[in-house]
Amino acid sequence: YAKLIMPQVDGIAAVSSASLDGLKQLYDLADKTVAQIPRGIDRQRIAPRRDRATVRAALGDSESTPVVVFVGSLTPEKRPDRLARVFAGVVKQLPEARLWVVGDGPLRAEFEQLVDDLGITGSVSLIGTSDEVGSFLGAADVLALTSDTEGLPGVILEAACLGVPAVATDVGGVSDAVTTGKTGILVDPDDEAAFTTQLS
């Protein structure tokens, strides 16, 4: 990149301040136009098609059930293993809690096995990919984001549009979208105990 790509580009745009800072540390951008262009959300696309009660009833959950939702691919960088362990801790504190997993990916089988090993299969709904993300987000109580790396995750912005707070790992540009105590809570990605506590 430094030798072949960067000399050919006139400018750099990033979706978050953290991404932009990272690029500045990696490359000499003194002669480049550099800008942060915030990521936008299509409110119409994310608008729930079903109300909270209908979504919950379809998944066998009541209005009062504490529901955590995860939206994303089941891939290494999204850390579904961390999600499973953290949620197992939540279930120890709140046995009635439920986890909805909206998404799919190459680690699905491993995730299912870990969920089974942790004894929380009955507390987890694997929804798979869906074009109705807004309905699931809007019907949940909190979004969990367990990633090791992010730019500026659209799902956090989508959840915020629907009034759903996030408990998220403090990586990449997540802090551009989550202010602890106001729009959610940021946690150290290596502190799963703290993640469990905040999610509970």
N, C-alpha and C. Protein backbone atom coordinates (compact mmCIF):
# COMPACT_ATOMS: atom_id res chain seq x y z
N TYR A 1 0.82 -1.19 0.00
CA TYR A 1 0.00 0.00 0.00
C TYR A 1 0.86 1.25 0.00
N ALA A 2 1.83 1.30 0.90
CA ALA A 2 2.66 2.50 1.03
C ALA A 2 3.43 2.79 -0.25
N LYS A 3 3.91 1.75 -0.93
CA LYS A 3 4.75 1.95 -2.11
C LYS A 3 3.96 1.97 -3.42
N LEU A 4 2.88 1.17 -3.49
CA LEU A 4 2.16 1.03 -4.76
C LEU A 4 0.86 1.81 -4.84
N ILE A 5 0.09 1.79 -3.76
CA ILE A 5 -1.25 2.39 -3.81
C ILE A 5 -1.24 3.86 -3.42
N MET A 6 -0.69 4.17 -2.25
CA MET A 6 -0.77 5.54 -1.73
C MET A 6 -0.18 6.60 -2.67
N PRO A 7 0.92 6.33 -3.37
CA PRO A 7 1.43 7.36 -4.28
C PRO A 7 0.47 7.69 -5.43
N GLN A 8 -0.49 6.78 -5.70
CA GLN A 8 -1.40 6.97 -6.82
C GLN A 8 -2.69 7.70 -6.46
N VAL A 9 -2.97 7.85 -5.16
CA VAL A 9 -4.25 8.45 -4.76
C VAL A 9 -4.06 9.93 -4.42
N ASP A 10 -5.12 10.70 -4.66
CA ASP A 10 -5.09 12.13 -4.37
C ASP A 10 -5.65 12.46 -3.00
N GLY A 11 -6.55 11.58 -2.52
CA GLY A 11 -7.19 11.86 -1.24
C GLY A 11 -7.60 10.61 -0.51
N ILE A 12 -7.88 10.78 0.76
CA ILE A 12 -8.29 9.67 1.62
C ILE A 12 -9.54 10.10 2.38
N ALA A 13 -10.55 9.24 2.39
CA ALA A 13 -11.75 9.48 3.19
C ALA A 13 -11.95 8.31 4.13
N ALA A 14 -12.35 8.60 5.35
CA ALA A 14 -12.59 7.56 6.35
C ALA A 14 -13.94 7.81 7.01
N VAL A 15 -14.56 6.73 7.53
CA VAL A 15 -15.89 6.85 8.13
C VAL A 15 -15.84 7.25 9.60
N SER A 16 -14.68 7.16 10.23
CA SER A 16 -14.59 7.50 11.65
C SER A 16 -13.27 8.20 11.94
N SER A 17 -13.23 8.92 13.04
CA SER A 17 -12.01 9.61 13.43
C SER A 17 -10.90 8.61 13.73
N ALA A 18 -11.27 7.48 14.32
CA ALA A 18 -10.27 6.46 14.65
C ALA A 18 -9.66 5.87 13.38
N SER A 19 -10.49 5.63 12.37
CA SER A 19 -9.98 5.11 11.10
C SER A 19 -9.03 6.11 10.45
N LEU A 20 -9.41 7.38 10.51
CA LEU A 20 -8.58 8.42 9.92
C LEU A 20 -7.25 8.54 10.66
N ASP A 21 -7.30 8.50 11.97
CA ASP A 21 -6.07 8.57 12.77
C ASP A 21 -5.16 7.38 12.46
N GLY A 22 -5.76 6.20 12.29
CA GLY A 22 -4.99 5.01 11.97
C GLY A 22 -4.27 5.13 10.63
N LEU A 23 -4.98 5.68 9.65
CA LEU A 23 -4.38 5.88 8.33
C LEU A 23 -3.23 6.87 8.39
N LYS A 24 -3.41 7.92 9.19
CA LYS A 24 -2.36 8.93 9.33
C LYS A 24 -1.11 8.35 9.99
N GLN A 25 -1.32 7.40 10.88
CA GLN A 25 -0.17 6.76 11.55
C GLN A 25 0.55 5.78 10.62
N LEU A 26 -0.22 5.16 9.74
CA LEU A 26 0.36 4.16 8.85
C LEU A 26 1.07 4.76 7.63
N TYR A 27 0.53 5.87 7.13
CA TYR A 27 1.03 6.40 5.86
C TYR A 27 1.34 7.90 5.96
N ASP A 28 2.24 8.33 5.11
CA ASP A 28 2.55 9.75 4.98
C ASP A 28 1.48 10.38 4.09
N LEU A 29 0.57 11.14 4.71
CA LEU A 29 -0.54 11.73 3.97
C LEU A 29 -0.39 13.24 3.83
N ALA A 30 0.82 13.73 4.02
CA ALA A 30 1.06 15.17 4.02
C ALA A 30 0.61 15.84 2.72
N ASP A 31 0.72 15.16 1.61
CA ASP A 31 0.36 15.76 0.32
C ASP A 31 -1.01 15.30 -0.17
N LYS A 32 -1.79 14.69 0.72
CA LYS A 32 -3.12 14.17 0.34
C LYS A 32 -4.24 15.01 0.93
N THR A 33 -5.35 15.05 0.25
CA THR A 33 -6.57 15.60 0.81
C THR A 33 -7.15 14.54 1.73
N VAL A 34 -7.40 14.89 2.98
CA VAL A 34 -7.85 13.93 3.98
C VAL A 34 -9.16 14.42 4.59
N ALA A 35 -10.15 13.53 4.69
CA ALA A 35 -11.44 13.94 5.24
C ALA A 35 -12.14 12.78 5.93
N GLN A 36 -12.94 13.13 6.91
CA GLN A 36 -13.82 12.15 7.54
C GLN A 36 -15.23 12.40 7.00
N ILE A 37 -15.82 11.38 6.44
CA ILE A 37 -17.19 11.47 5.93
C ILE A 37 -18.05 10.54 6.76
N PRO A 38 -18.86 11.08 7.65
CA PRO A 38 -19.66 10.23 8.54
C PRO A 38 -20.58 9.29 7.76
N ARG A 39 -20.75 8.12 8.30
CA ARG A 39 -21.63 7.13 7.69
C ARG A 39 -23.08 7.52 7.93
N GLY A 40 -23.90 7.36 6.92
CA GLY A 40 -25.32 7.69 7.05
C GLY A 40 -26.19 6.44 7.18
N ILE A 41 -27.40 6.64 7.63
CA ILE A 41 -28.36 5.55 7.80
C ILE A 41 -29.63 5.88 7.04
N ASP A 42 -30.14 4.91 6.32
CA ASP A 42 -31.41 5.06 5.60
C ASP A 42 -32.54 4.72 6.57
N ARG A 43 -33.16 5.75 7.12
CA ARG A 43 -34.21 5.54 8.13
C ARG A 43 -35.39 4.74 7.58
N GLN A 44 -35.70 4.93 6.31
CA GLN A 44 -36.82 4.20 5.73
C GLN A 44 -36.52 2.71 5.65
N ARG A 45 -35.29 2.38 5.27
CA ARG A 45 -34.92 0.97 5.15
C ARG A 45 -34.91 0.27 6.50
N ILE A 46 -34.52 0.99 7.54
CA ILE A 46 -34.39 0.38 8.86
C ILE A 46 -35.69 0.43 9.67
N ALA A 47 -36.69 1.11 9.16
CA ALA A 47 -37.96 1.22 9.90
C ALA A 47 -38.56 -0.16 10.15
N PRO A 48 -38.95 -0.47 11.40
CA PRO A 48 -39.53 -1.77 11.71
C PRO A 48 -40.80 -2.04 10.90
N ARG A 49 -40.91 -3.27 10.42
CA ARG A 49 -42.11 -3.68 9.67
C ARG A 49 -43.14 -4.30 10.61
N ARG A 50 -42.66 -4.78 11.76
CA ARG A 50 -43.55 -5.37 12.77
C ARG A 50 -43.27 -4.70 14.11
N ASP A 51 -44.28 -4.63 14.96
CA ASP A 51 -44.07 -3.98 16.24
C ASP A 51 -43.41 -4.94 17.23
N ARG A 52 -42.98 -4.39 18.35
CA ARG A 52 -42.23 -5.13 19.37
C ARG A 52 -42.98 -6.38 19.84
N ALA A 53 -44.25 -6.22 20.15
CA ALA A 53 -45.03 -7.34 20.68
C ALA A 53 -45.13 -8.48 19.67
N THR A 54 -45.31 -8.14 18.39
CA THR A 54 -45.46 -9.15 17.35
C THR A 54 -44.16 -9.93 17.15
N VAL A 55 -43.04 -9.20 17.11
CA VAL A 55 -41.74 -9.86 16.92
C VAL A 55 -41.45 -10.78 18.10
N ARG A 56 -41.67 -10.28 19.30
CA ARG A 56 -41.39 -11.09 20.48
C ARG A 56 -42.29 -12.33 20.55
N ALA A 57 -43.54 -12.16 20.22
CA ALA A 57 -44.46 -13.30 20.25
C ALA A 57 -44.03 -14.36 19.24
N ALA A 58 -43.56 -13.92 18.08
CA ALA A 58 -43.13 -14.86 17.05
C ALA A 58 -41.93 -15.68 17.51
N LEU A 59 -41.11 -15.11 18.40
CA LEU A 59 -39.93 -15.81 18.89
C LEU A 59 -40.17 -16.46 20.26
N GLY A 60 -41.40 -16.39 20.72
CA GLY A 60 -41.74 -17.03 21.99
C GLY A 60 -41.32 -16.25 23.22
N ASP A 61 -41.11 -14.96 23.06
CA ASP A 61 -40.67 -14.12 24.18
C ASP A 61 -41.78 -13.14 24.56
N SER A 62 -41.88 -12.86 25.85
CA SER A 62 -42.92 -11.96 26.33
C SER A 62 -42.46 -10.51 26.28
N GLU A 63 -43.36 -9.60 26.56
CA GLU A 63 -43.04 -8.17 26.58
C GLU A 63 -42.00 -7.84 27.65
N SER A 64 -41.99 -8.62 28.74
CA SER A 64 -41.09 -8.31 29.85
C SER A 64 -39.76 -9.06 29.80
N THR A 65 -39.59 -9.94 28.82
CA THR A 65 -38.35 -10.70 28.71
C THR A 65 -37.18 -9.78 28.35
N PRO A 66 -36.08 -9.84 29.11
CA PRO A 66 -34.90 -9.04 28.73
C PRO A 66 -34.27 -9.63 27.46
N VAL A 67 -34.18 -8.84 26.41
CA VAL A 67 -33.69 -9.33 25.13
C VAL A 67 -32.45 -8.55 24.69
N VAL A 68 -31.38 -9.31 24.40
CA VAL A 68 -30.16 -8.78 23.81
C VAL A 68 -30.17 -9.20 22.34
N VAL A 69 -29.83 -8.27 21.46
CA VAL A 69 -29.76 -8.62 20.04
C VAL A 69 -28.34 -8.40 19.52
N PHE A 70 -27.91 -9.32 18.69
CA PHE A 70 -26.64 -9.20 17.97
C PHE A 70 -26.98 -9.21 16.50
N VAL A 71 -26.48 -8.23 15.76
CA VAL A 71 -26.70 -8.17 14.32
C VAL A 71 -25.35 -8.10 13.64
N GLY A 72 -25.04 -9.11 12.85
CA GLY A 72 -23.76 -9.09 12.17
C GLY A 72 -23.41 -10.47 11.64
N SER A 73 -22.31 -10.52 10.93
CA SER A 73 -21.86 -11.80 10.39
C SER A 73 -21.15 -12.61 11.47
N LEU A 74 -21.28 -13.90 11.38
CA LEU A 74 -20.60 -14.80 12.33
C LEU A 74 -19.23 -15.13 11.74
N THR A 75 -18.33 -14.17 11.90
CA THR A 75 -16.98 -14.24 11.34
C THR A 75 -15.97 -13.92 12.44
N PRO A 76 -14.71 -14.27 12.23
CA PRO A 76 -13.71 -14.10 13.29
C PRO A 76 -13.64 -12.69 13.88
N GLU A 77 -13.69 -11.66 13.02
CA GLU A 77 -13.53 -10.30 13.54
C GLU A 77 -14.72 -9.83 14.38
N LYS A 78 -15.87 -10.47 14.20
CA LYS A 78 -17.06 -10.10 14.98
C LYS A 78 -17.12 -10.81 16.33
N ARG A 79 -16.26 -11.82 16.51
CA ARG A 79 -16.08 -12.54 17.77
C ARG A 79 -17.38 -13.13 18.35
N PRO A 80 -18.04 -14.01 17.59
CA PRO A 80 -19.22 -14.68 18.14
C PRO A 80 -18.89 -15.53 19.36
N ASP A 81 -17.63 -15.99 19.49
CA ASP A 81 -17.25 -16.74 20.69
C ASP A 81 -17.34 -15.86 21.93
N ARG A 82 -16.90 -14.60 21.80
CA ARG A 82 -17.01 -13.66 22.91
C ARG A 82 -18.48 -13.42 23.25
N LEU A 83 -19.30 -13.27 22.22
CA LEU A 83 -20.73 -13.06 22.42
C LEU A 83 -21.34 -14.19 23.24
N ALA A 84 -21.01 -15.43 22.87
CA ALA A 84 -21.57 -16.59 23.58
C ALA A 84 -21.14 -16.61 25.04
N ARG A 85 -19.87 -16.38 25.30
CA ARG A 85 -19.39 -16.41 26.68
C ARG A 85 -19.99 -15.28 27.53
N VAL A 86 -20.03 -14.10 26.94
CA VAL A 86 -20.60 -12.96 27.66
C VAL A 86 -22.07 -13.22 27.97
N PHE A 87 -22.81 -13.71 26.98
CA PHE A 87 -24.23 -13.94 27.22
C PHE A 87 -24.46 -15.06 28.22
N ALA A 88 -23.60 -16.06 28.23
CA ALA A 88 -23.71 -17.12 29.25
C ALA A 88 -23.60 -16.51 30.64
N GLY A 89 -22.73 -15.50 30.78
CA GLY A 89 -22.62 -14.80 32.05
C GLY A 89 -23.88 -14.02 32.38
N VAL A 90 -24.49 -13.44 31.36
CA VAL A 90 -25.74 -12.70 31.57
C VAL A 90 -26.82 -13.65 32.08
N VAL A 91 -26.91 -14.83 31.48
CA VAL A 91 -27.93 -15.80 31.87
C VAL A 91 -27.76 -16.23 33.33
N LYS A 92 -26.53 -16.28 33.80
CA LYS A 92 -26.31 -16.62 35.22
C LYS A 92 -26.92 -15.58 36.14
N GLN A 93 -26.90 -14.33 35.69
CA GLN A 93 -27.46 -13.25 36.50
C GLN A 93 -28.94 -13.02 36.23
N LEU A 94 -29.33 -13.23 34.97
CA LEU A 94 -30.72 -13.05 34.55
C LEU A 94 -31.16 -14.29 33.77
N PRO A 95 -31.59 -15.33 34.47
CA PRO A 95 -31.92 -16.59 33.79
C PRO A 95 -32.98 -16.46 32.70
N GLU A 96 -33.81 -15.43 32.80
CA GLU A 96 -34.88 -15.27 31.81
C GLU A 96 -34.42 -14.53 30.55
N ALA A 97 -33.19 -14.05 30.54
CA ALA A 97 -32.69 -13.27 29.40
C ALA A 97 -32.62 -14.11 28.12
N ARG A 98 -32.79 -13.42 27.00
CA ARG A 98 -32.74 -14.08 25.70
C ARG A 98 -31.77 -13.33 24.78
N LEU A 99 -31.16 -14.09 23.88
CA LEU A 99 -30.26 -13.52 22.87
C LEU A 99 -30.80 -13.85 21.49
N TRP A 100 -30.98 -12.81 20.68
CA TRP A 100 -31.36 -13.00 19.29
C TRP A 100 -30.12 -12.73 18.43
N VAL A 101 -29.78 -13.67 17.58
CA VAL A 101 -28.63 -13.52 16.69
C VAL A 101 -29.14 -13.37 15.26
N VAL A 102 -29.01 -12.17 14.72
CA VAL A 102 -29.47 -11.88 13.37
C VAL A 102 -28.23 -11.82 12.47
N GLY A 103 -28.06 -12.82 11.66
CA GLY A 103 -26.88 -12.90 10.80
C GLY A 103 -26.42 -14.34 10.67
N ASP A 104 -25.47 -14.54 9.80
CA ASP A 104 -24.96 -15.88 9.54
C ASP A 104 -23.50 -15.75 9.12
N GLY A 105 -22.85 -16.88 8.95
CA GLY A 105 -21.47 -16.82 8.52
C GLY A 105 -20.73 -18.11 8.77
N PRO A 106 -19.45 -18.15 8.43
CA PRO A 106 -18.68 -19.39 8.51
C PRO A 106 -18.49 -19.94 9.91
N LEU A 107 -18.68 -19.11 10.94
CA LEU A 107 -18.50 -19.59 12.32
C LEU A 107 -19.82 -20.01 12.98
N ARG A 108 -20.86 -20.13 12.19
CA ARG A 108 -22.16 -20.47 12.79
C ARG A 108 -22.11 -21.81 13.53
N ALA A 109 -21.57 -22.83 12.90
CA ALA A 109 -21.53 -24.15 13.54
C ALA A 109 -20.72 -24.11 14.83
N GLU A 110 -19.59 -23.41 14.81
CA GLU A 110 -18.78 -23.28 16.03
C GLU A 110 -19.54 -22.52 17.11
N PHE A 111 -20.25 -21.48 16.70
CA PHE A 111 -21.04 -20.70 17.65
C PHE A 111 -22.13 -21.57 18.28
N GLU A 112 -22.83 -22.33 17.45
CA GLU A 112 -23.88 -23.20 17.96
C GLU A 112 -23.31 -24.22 18.94
N GLN A 113 -22.15 -24.77 18.62
CA GLN A 113 -21.52 -25.74 19.51
C GLN A 113 -21.13 -25.10 20.83
N LEU A 114 -20.58 -23.91 20.79
CA LEU A 114 -20.20 -23.21 22.02
C LEU A 114 -21.42 -22.88 22.86
N VAL A 115 -22.47 -22.42 22.22
CA VAL A 115 -23.72 -22.13 22.92
C VAL A 115 -24.22 -23.39 23.63
N ASP A 116 -24.13 -24.52 22.95
CA ASP A 116 -24.55 -25.79 23.54
C ASP A 116 -23.64 -26.17 24.71
N ASP A 117 -22.33 -26.03 24.50
CA ASP A 117 -21.37 -26.36 25.57
C ASP A 117 -21.58 -25.50 26.81
N LEU A 118 -21.99 -24.26 26.60
CA LEU A 118 -22.22 -23.33 27.72
C LEU A 118 -23.58 -23.52 28.37
N GLY A 119 -24.40 -24.38 27.77
CA GLY A 119 -25.71 -24.69 28.36
C GLY A 119 -26.75 -23.60 28.19
N ILE A 120 -26.63 -22.79 27.13
CA ILE A 120 -27.57 -21.68 26.95
C ILE A 120 -28.38 -21.80 25.66
N THR A 121 -28.42 -22.98 25.08
CA THR A 121 -29.13 -23.17 23.80
C THR A 121 -30.57 -22.69 23.88
N GLY A 122 -31.23 -22.97 24.99
CA GLY A 122 -32.63 -22.58 25.15
C GLY A 122 -32.83 -21.09 25.30
N SER A 123 -31.75 -20.35 25.48
CA SER A 123 -31.84 -18.89 25.66
C SER A 123 -31.44 -18.11 24.41
N VAL A 124 -31.07 -18.84 23.36
CA VAL A 124 -30.55 -18.20 22.15
C VAL A 124 -31.41 -18.53 20.94
N SER A 125 -31.79 -17.51 20.20
CA SER A 125 -32.52 -17.69 18.94
C SER A 125 -31.62 -17.30 17.78
N LEU A 126 -31.30 -18.27 16.93
CA LEU A 126 -30.48 -18.02 15.74
C LEU A 126 -31.42 -17.70 14.58
N ILE A 127 -31.53 -16.43 14.27
CA ILE A 127 -32.50 -15.97 13.29
C ILE A 127 -31.95 -16.09 11.87
N GLY A 128 -30.65 -15.99 11.72
CA GLY A 128 -30.05 -16.04 10.39
C GLY A 128 -30.11 -14.69 9.71
N THR A 129 -29.79 -14.66 8.42
CA THR A 129 -29.85 -13.40 7.70
C THR A 129 -31.30 -12.97 7.53
N SER A 130 -31.51 -11.66 7.50
CA SER A 130 -32.88 -11.15 7.42
C SER A 130 -32.88 -9.78 6.76
N ASP A 131 -33.94 -9.49 6.02
CA ASP A 131 -34.12 -8.16 5.45
C ASP A 131 -35.02 -7.32 6.35
N GLU A 132 -35.21 -7.82 7.57
CA GLU A 132 -36.09 -7.15 8.53
C GLU A 132 -35.32 -6.80 9.81
N VAL A 133 -34.10 -6.34 9.65
CA VAL A 133 -33.25 -6.04 10.78
C VAL A 133 -33.89 -5.02 11.72
N GLY A 134 -34.54 -4.02 11.15
CA GLY A 134 -35.17 -2.98 11.97
C GLY A 134 -36.20 -3.53 12.93
N SER A 135 -36.95 -4.54 12.51
CA SER A 135 -37.96 -5.14 13.39
C SER A 135 -37.32 -5.81 14.60
N PHE A 136 -36.21 -6.52 14.37
CA PHE A 136 -35.54 -7.20 15.48
C PHE A 136 -34.83 -6.21 16.40
N LEU A 137 -34.20 -5.21 15.80
CA LEU A 137 -33.55 -4.18 16.63
C LEU A 137 -34.59 -3.46 17.49
N GLY A 138 -35.67 -3.05 16.86
CA GLY A 138 -36.69 -2.29 17.58
C GLY A 138 -37.40 -3.05 18.67
N ALA A 139 -37.38 -4.39 18.58
CA ALA A 139 -38.07 -5.22 19.57
C ALA A 139 -37.15 -5.66 20.70
N ALA A 140 -35.86 -5.35 20.59
CA ALA A 140 -34.89 -5.76 21.62
C ALA A 140 -34.70 -4.64 22.64
N ASP A 141 -34.02 -4.98 23.73
CA ASP A 141 -33.74 -4.00 24.77
C ASP A 141 -32.36 -3.38 24.63
N VAL A 142 -31.42 -4.15 24.13
CA VAL A 142 -30.05 -3.67 24.00
C VAL A 142 -29.35 -4.42 22.89
N LEU A 143 -28.45 -3.73 22.20
CA LEU A 143 -27.62 -4.32 21.15
C LEU A 143 -26.26 -4.67 21.73
N ALA A 144 -25.76 -5.85 21.40
CA ALA A 144 -24.40 -6.24 21.79
C ALA A 144 -23.52 -6.25 20.56
N LEU A 145 -22.38 -5.57 20.65
CA LEU A 145 -21.40 -5.60 19.58
C LEU A 145 -20.08 -6.07 20.19
N THR A 146 -19.59 -7.22 19.74
CA THR A 146 -18.45 -7.87 20.40
C THR A 146 -17.19 -7.91 19.53
N SER A 147 -17.13 -7.06 18.54
CA SER A 147 -16.06 -7.11 17.54
C SER A 147 -14.67 -6.81 18.08
N ASP A 148 -13.67 -7.32 17.35
CA ASP A 148 -12.27 -6.98 17.61
C ASP A 148 -11.84 -5.78 16.77
N THR A 149 -12.53 -5.54 15.67
CA THR A 149 -12.18 -4.43 14.79
C THR A 149 -13.44 -3.90 14.12
N GLU A 150 -13.50 -2.59 13.95
CA GLU A 150 -14.63 -1.95 13.28
C GLU A 150 -14.16 -0.64 12.65
N GLY A 151 -14.90 -0.17 11.67
CA GLY A 151 -14.73 1.19 11.17
C GLY A 151 -15.69 2.05 11.98
N LEU A 152 -16.88 2.25 11.42
CA LEU A 152 -17.99 2.86 12.15
C LEU A 152 -19.18 1.96 11.89
N PRO A 153 -19.51 1.06 12.82
CA PRO A 153 -20.53 0.04 12.57
C PRO A 153 -21.92 0.61 12.34
N GLY A 154 -22.47 0.29 11.18
CA GLY A 154 -23.80 0.77 10.84
C GLY A 154 -24.87 0.28 11.79
N VAL A 155 -24.70 -0.92 12.33
CA VAL A 155 -25.74 -1.47 13.19
C VAL A 155 -25.92 -0.65 14.46
N ILE A 156 -24.86 -0.05 14.97
CA ILE A 156 -24.99 0.80 16.15
C ILE A 156 -25.79 2.06 15.81
N LEU A 157 -25.53 2.62 14.63
CA LEU A 157 -26.29 3.79 14.20
C LEU A 157 -27.75 3.44 13.96
N GLU A 158 -27.98 2.27 13.38
CA GLU A 158 -29.35 1.82 13.14
C GLU A 158 -30.09 1.62 14.46
N ALA A 159 -29.43 0.99 15.41
CA ALA A 159 -30.05 0.78 16.72
C ALA A 159 -30.36 2.11 17.38
N ALA A 160 -29.42 3.05 17.29
CA ALA A 160 -29.63 4.37 17.89
C ALA A 160 -30.84 5.07 17.27
N CYS A 161 -31.01 4.92 15.95
CA CYS A 161 -32.17 5.51 15.28
C CYS A 161 -33.49 4.98 15.84
N LEU A 162 -33.42 3.76 16.37
CA LEU A 162 -34.62 3.11 16.91
C LEU A 162 -34.69 3.20 18.43
N GLY A 163 -33.77 3.97 19.02
CA GLY A 163 -33.79 4.18 20.46
C GLY A 163 -33.26 3.02 21.27
N VAL A 164 -32.46 2.16 20.64
CA VAL A 164 -31.91 0.98 21.32
C VAL A 164 -30.44 1.24 21.65
N PRO A 165 -30.06 1.21 22.93
CA PRO A 165 -28.66 1.46 23.30
C PRO A 165 -27.79 0.26 22.98
N ALA A 166 -26.48 0.51 22.95
CA ALA A 166 -25.52 -0.56 22.64
C ALA A 166 -24.52 -0.73 23.76
N VAL A 167 -24.17 -1.98 24.01
CA VAL A 167 -22.99 -2.29 24.81
C VAL A 167 -22.00 -2.85 23.81
N ALA A 168 -20.86 -2.17 23.66
CA ALA A 168 -19.97 -2.48 22.55
C ALA A 168 -18.51 -2.42 22.96
N THR A 169 -17.72 -3.22 22.28
CA THR A 169 -16.28 -3.18 22.48
C THR A 169 -15.74 -1.84 21.96
N ASP A 170 -14.80 -1.29 22.70
CA ASP A 170 -14.22 0.01 22.35
C ASP A 170 -13.09 -0.21 21.36
N VAL A 171 -13.47 -0.41 20.10
CA VAL A 171 -12.51 -0.66 19.03
C VAL A 171 -12.83 0.23 17.85
N GLY A 172 -11.80 0.53 17.04
CA GLY A 172 -12.01 1.32 15.83
C GLY A 172 -12.78 2.60 16.09
N GLY A 173 -13.78 2.85 15.26
CA GLY A 173 -14.57 4.06 15.38
C GLY A 173 -15.83 3.92 16.19
N VAL A 174 -15.95 2.87 16.99
CA VAL A 174 -17.17 2.66 17.78
C VAL A 174 -17.41 3.84 18.72
N SER A 175 -16.33 4.40 19.26
CA SER A 175 -16.50 5.52 20.20
C SER A 175 -17.03 6.78 19.51
N ASP A 176 -17.00 6.83 18.19
CA ASP A 176 -17.63 7.94 17.47
C ASP A 176 -19.15 7.85 17.55
N ALA A 177 -19.66 6.65 17.78
CA ALA A 177 -21.10 6.42 17.77
C ALA A 177 -21.68 6.14 19.15
N VAL A 178 -20.83 5.71 20.09
CA VAL A 178 -21.32 5.36 21.43
C VAL A 178 -20.64 6.23 22.47
N THR A 179 -21.43 6.95 23.22
CA THR A 179 -20.93 7.73 24.35
C THR A 179 -21.43 7.05 25.62
N THR A 180 -20.49 6.54 26.41
CA THR A 180 -20.87 5.80 27.61
C THR A 180 -21.75 6.64 28.52
N GLY A 181 -22.86 6.04 28.91
CA GLY A 181 -23.80 6.71 29.80
C GLY A 181 -24.85 7.53 29.08
N LYS A 182 -24.67 7.74 27.77
CA LYS A 182 -25.64 8.53 27.01
C LYS A 182 -26.31 7.70 25.91
N THR A 183 -25.49 7.09 25.07
CA THR A 183 -26.06 6.30 23.95
C THR A 183 -25.73 4.82 24.08
N GLY A 184 -25.06 4.46 25.16
CA GLY A 184 -24.68 3.06 25.38
C GLY A 184 -23.50 2.98 26.32
N ILE A 185 -22.78 1.89 26.23
CA ILE A 185 -21.63 1.67 27.10
C ILE A 185 -20.52 1.03 26.29
N LEU A 186 -19.32 1.55 26.44
CA LEU A 186 -18.13 0.99 25.80
C LEU A 186 -17.39 0.12 26.81
N VAL A 187 -16.88 -1.02 26.34
CA VAL A 187 -16.12 -1.91 27.22
C VAL A 187 -14.83 -2.32 26.54
N ASP A 188 -13.84 -2.64 27.35
CA ASP A 188 -12.57 -3.16 26.85
C ASP A 188 -12.83 -4.53 26.22
N PRO A 189 -12.39 -4.74 24.98
CA PRO A 189 -12.68 -6.03 24.34
C PRO A 189 -12.10 -7.23 25.08
N ASP A 190 -11.08 -7.03 25.90
CA ASP A 190 -10.48 -8.14 26.63
C ASP A 190 -11.12 -8.39 27.99
N ASP A 191 -12.09 -7.55 28.38
CA ASP A 191 -12.70 -7.68 29.70
C ASP A 191 -14.13 -8.22 29.56
N GLU A 192 -14.23 -9.54 29.39
CA GLU A 192 -15.54 -10.14 29.19
C GLU A 192 -16.40 -10.06 30.44
N ALA A 193 -15.77 -10.06 31.60
CA ALA A 193 -16.54 -9.95 32.85
C ALA A 193 -17.24 -8.59 32.91
N ALA A 194 -16.52 -7.53 32.52
CA ALA A 194 -17.12 -6.19 32.52
C ALA A 194 -18.23 -6.11 31.48
N PHE A 195 -18.01 -6.76 30.34
CA PHE A 195 -19.04 -6.77 29.30
C PHE A 195 -20.31 -7.42 29.84
N THR A 196 -20.14 -8.55 30.52
CA THR A 196 -21.30 -9.24 31.10
C THR A 196 -22.02 -8.37 32.11
N THR A 197 -21.27 -7.72 32.95
CA THR A 197 -21.86 -6.84 33.97
C THR A 197 -22.66 -5.72 33.33
N GLN A 198 -22.10 -5.07 32.33
CA GLN A 198 -22.79 -3.96 31.68
C GLN A 198 -24.00 -4.42 30.88
N LEU A 199 -23.92 -5.59 30.31
CA LEU A 199 -25.04 -6.11 29.52
C LEU A 199 -26.19 -6.57 30.40
N SER A 200 -25.87 -6.93 31.63
CA SER A 200 -26.89 -7.41 32.56
C SER A 200 -27.66 -6.26 33.16
